[in-house]
Amino acid sequence: MKVKNIVLFFENGTTFKFVDVKNYVNKENLIEFSYFSQSESVEKSAKFDKSKLLGFSVNF
């Protein structure tokens, strides 16, 4: 599934924003996706354990 962007919120107040997200998969305990790294100008993939997140926002 393609989404526009994802923001992850962590308990320590840190937020991570990912843009141009592709291949979004929301599993029971895991979020997986690929995204375009603006700082490195390459496509990357990411996996996050949901138990480590305070919350997340997805824009379709």
C-alpha atoms as a PDB file:
ATOM      1  CA  MET A   1       0.000   0.000   0.000  1.00  0.00           C
ATOM      2  CA  LYS A   2       1.344   3.453  -0.880  1.00  0.00           C
ATOM      3  CA  VAL A   3       0.998   6.239   1.643  1.00  0.00           C
ATOM      4  CA  LYS A   4       2.208   9.833   1.464  1.00  0.00           C
ATOM      5  CA  ASN A   5       4.045   9.952   4.779  1.00  0.00           C
ATOM      6  CA  ILE A   6       4.390   8.383   8.211  1.00  0.00           C
ATOM      7  CA  VAL A   7       5.235  10.039  11.524  1.00  0.00           C
ATOM      8  CA  LEU A   8       6.378   7.832  14.429  1.00  0.00           C
ATOM      9  CA  PHE A   9       6.118   9.091  18.014  1.00  0.00           C
ATOM     10  CA  PHE A  10       8.426   7.693  20.710  1.00  0.00           C
ATOM     11  CA  GLU A  11       8.024   7.862  24.500  1.00  0.00           C
ATOM     12  CA  ASN A  12      11.095  10.101  24.908  1.00  0.00           C
ATOM     13  CA  GLY A  13       9.436  12.822  22.790  1.00  0.00           C
ATOM     14  CA  THR A  14      11.333  12.047  19.596  1.00  0.00           C
ATOM     15  CA  THR A  15       9.419  11.968  16.319  1.00  0.00           C
ATOM     16  CA  PHE A  16      10.557  10.479  13.002  1.00  0.00           C
ATOM     17  CA  LYS A  17       8.927  11.639   9.762  1.00  0.00           C
ATOM     18  CA  PHE A  18       9.155   9.579   6.565  1.00  0.00           C
ATOM     19  CA  VAL A  19       8.051  10.890   3.158  1.00  0.00           C
ATOM     20  CA  ASP A  20       7.270   9.206  -0.164  1.00  0.00           C
ATOM     21  CA  VAL A  21       6.403   5.991   1.679  1.00  0.00           C
ATOM     22  CA  LYS A  22       5.773   2.803  -0.318  1.00  0.00           C
ATOM     23  CA  ASN A  23       5.119  -0.854   0.524  1.00  0.00           C
ATOM     24  CA  TYR A  24       3.494   0.022   3.855  1.00  0.00           C
ATOM     25  CA  VAL A  25       2.599  -3.062   5.896  1.00  0.00           C
ATOM     26  CA  ASN A  26       0.975  -2.808   9.330  1.00  0.00           C
ATOM     27  CA  LYS A  27       1.382  -6.134  11.135  1.00  0.00           C
ATOM     28  CA  GLU A  28       0.294  -6.988  14.667  1.00  0.00           C
ATOM     29  CA  ASN A  29       3.621  -6.042  16.293  1.00  0.00           C
ATOM     30  CA  LEU A  30       5.530  -4.460  13.403  1.00  0.00           C
ATOM     31  CA  ILE A  31       5.327  -1.595  10.915  1.00  0.00           C
ATOM     32  CA  GLU A  32       7.298  -2.065   7.670  1.00  0.00           C
ATOM     33  CA  PHE A  33       7.749   0.303   4.721  1.00  0.00           C
ATOM     34  CA  SER A  34      10.174   1.760   2.229  1.00  0.00           C
ATOM     35  CA  TYR A  35      10.771   5.488   1.899  1.00  0.00           C
ATOM     36  CA  PHE A  36      12.878   8.060   0.105  1.00  0.00           C
ATOM     37  CA  SER A  37      15.728   9.376   2.267  1.00  0.00           C
ATOM     38  CA  GLN A  38      15.929  13.103   1.561  1.00  0.00           C
ATOM     39  CA  SER A  39      19.322  13.441   3.267  1.00  0.00           C
ATOM     40  CA  GLU A  40      20.938  10.678   1.172  1.00  0.00           C
ATOM     41  CA  SER A  41      18.745  10.819  -1.969  1.00  0.00           C
ATOM     42  CA  VAL A  42      18.180   7.037  -1.968  1.00  0.00           C
ATOM     43  CA  GLU A  43      15.284   4.693  -1.263  1.00  0.00           C
ATOM     44  CA  LYS A  44      15.511   2.769   2.026  1.00  0.00           C
ATOM     45  CA  SER A  45      13.417   0.276   3.947  1.00  0.00           C
ATOM     46  CA  ALA A  46      12.454   0.407   7.616  1.00  0.00           C
ATOM     47  CA  LYS A  47      10.928  -1.854  10.260  1.00  0.00           C
ATOM     48  CA  PHE A  48       9.716  -0.668  13.659  1.00  0.00           C
ATOM     49  CA  ASP A  49       8.549  -2.725  16.630  1.00  0.00           C
ATOM     50  CA  LYS A  50       5.178  -1.266  17.663  1.00  0.00           C
ATOM     51  CA  SER A  51       5.859  -1.971  21.343  1.00  0.00           C
ATOM     52  CA  LYS A  52       8.608   0.681  21.204  1.00  0.00           C
ATOM     53  CA  LEU A  53       6.250   3.354  19.830  1.00  0.00           C
ATOM     54  CA  LEU A  54       3.940   5.702  21.682  1.00  0.00           C
ATOM     55  CA  GLY A  55       1.936   6.139  18.476  1.00  0.00           C
ATOM     56  CA  PHE A  56       2.073   6.757  14.740  1.00  0.00           C
ATOM     57  CA  SER A  57       0.304   8.766  12.056  1.00  0.00           C
ATOM     58  CA  VAL A  58      -0.227   7.664   8.452  1.00  0.00           C
ATOM     59  CA  ASN A  59      -1.384   9.884   5.573  1.00  0.00           C
ATOM     60  CA  PHE A  60      -2.817   7.994   2.580  1.00  0.00           C
END
